[in-house]
Protein backbone atom coordinates (compact mmCIF):
# COMPACT_ATOMS: atom_id res chain seq x y z
CA MET A 1 12.08 -36.05 71.76
CA GLY A 2 10.92 -39.51 72.64
CA GLY A 3 8.14 -41.00 74.69
CA SER A 4 4.73 -42.23 73.78
CA MET A 5 1.88 -39.93 72.90
CA LYS A 6 -0.89 -40.76 75.30
CA TYR A 7 -4.45 -39.73 74.61
CA ASP A 8 -5.36 -36.65 76.61
CA ARG A 9 -9.06 -36.77 77.42
CA ASN A 10 -8.97 -33.16 78.57
CA LYS A 11 -7.57 -31.92 75.27
CA ILE A 12 -9.87 -29.38 73.70
CA GLU A 13 -10.71 -30.29 70.13
CA ILE A 14 -13.69 -30.45 67.81
CA GLY A 15 -16.25 -32.90 69.17
CA HIS A 16 -19.22 -33.49 71.44
CA TYR A 17 -18.84 -32.65 75.14
CA LEU A 18 -20.59 -32.87 78.49
CA SER A 19 -20.24 -30.14 81.08
CA LYS A 20 -19.11 -31.41 84.48
CA THR A 21 -19.69 -28.07 86.17
CA ASN A 22 -21.61 -24.85 85.61
CA ILE A 23 -19.82 -22.74 83.00
CA HIS A 24 -20.62 -19.07 82.69
CA LEU A 25 -19.65 -16.88 79.76
CA ARG A 26 -20.20 -13.34 80.94
CA ASP A 27 -19.78 -11.67 77.52
CA ASP A 28 -22.88 -13.29 76.04
CA ASN A 29 -24.53 -13.97 79.39
CA VAL A 30 -24.58 -17.68 78.58
CA LYS A 31 -24.64 -20.35 81.24
CA ILE A 32 -23.96 -23.99 80.47
CA ALA A 33 -25.31 -26.05 83.35
CA PHE A 34 -23.81 -29.18 84.88
CA GLY A 35 -24.73 -32.15 82.69
CA ASP A 36 -25.50 -30.12 79.57
CA GLU A 37 -24.14 -31.35 76.26
CA PHE A 38 -22.71 -29.17 73.53
CA ASP A 39 -20.39 -29.31 70.54
CA ILE A 40 -17.05 -27.65 70.00
CA THR A 41 -17.25 -26.72 66.33
CA ASP A 42 -13.93 -24.94 65.88
CA VAL A 43 -10.67 -24.37 67.71
CA LEU A 44 -9.65 -20.79 67.01
CA LYS A 45 -6.45 -18.83 67.46
CA ASN A 46 -5.95 -16.70 70.58
CA ASN A 47 -6.87 -19.60 72.85
CA GLN A 48 -10.55 -19.49 71.82
CA VAL A 49 -13.01 -22.19 70.82
CA GLU A 50 -16.35 -21.90 69.10
CA ILE A 51 -19.16 -23.95 70.55
CA LEU A 52 -22.66 -24.82 69.42
CA TYR A 53 -25.10 -24.81 72.32
CA HIS A 54 -28.89 -24.85 71.91
CA HIS A 55 -28.49 -24.16 68.17
CA LYS A 56 -26.45 -20.99 68.73
CA ASN A 57 -22.74 -20.38 68.32
CA TYR A 58 -20.63 -18.86 71.08
CA THR A 59 -16.94 -18.19 71.46
CA PHE A 60 -15.37 -19.32 74.71
CA ASP A 61 -11.91 -18.91 76.14
CA LYS A 62 -10.31 -22.35 76.07
CA ASP A 63 -9.06 -21.94 79.65
CA ILE A 64 -12.63 -21.69 80.95
CA LEU A 65 -13.50 -25.06 79.43
CA GLU A 66 -10.30 -26.94 80.12
CA ASN A 67 -11.20 -28.67 83.39
CA ALA A 68 -14.94 -28.23 83.13
CA ILE A 69 -15.85 -30.64 80.34
CA ILE A 70 -15.73 -34.32 79.44
CA ALA A 71 -15.34 -35.46 75.84
CA LEU A 72 -18.17 -37.72 74.71
CA SER A 73 -16.89 -38.09 71.15
CA HIS A 74 -14.25 -36.62 68.89
């Protein structure tokens, strides 16, 4: 178990993010457009994250967000 821990900019954690694609959450009929900013407010169990977008909270599957967002701040 050696090696250096390198910072993973695609790691999903609490912070402020920018969408680099259109993200659609069919359950709540929510669409985050390319270039929109939002916050991940909690990383939940079951591969879910809670986000704050336009002053509302939504739960997203982490897999949907993984390659679709850029971290602006953690």
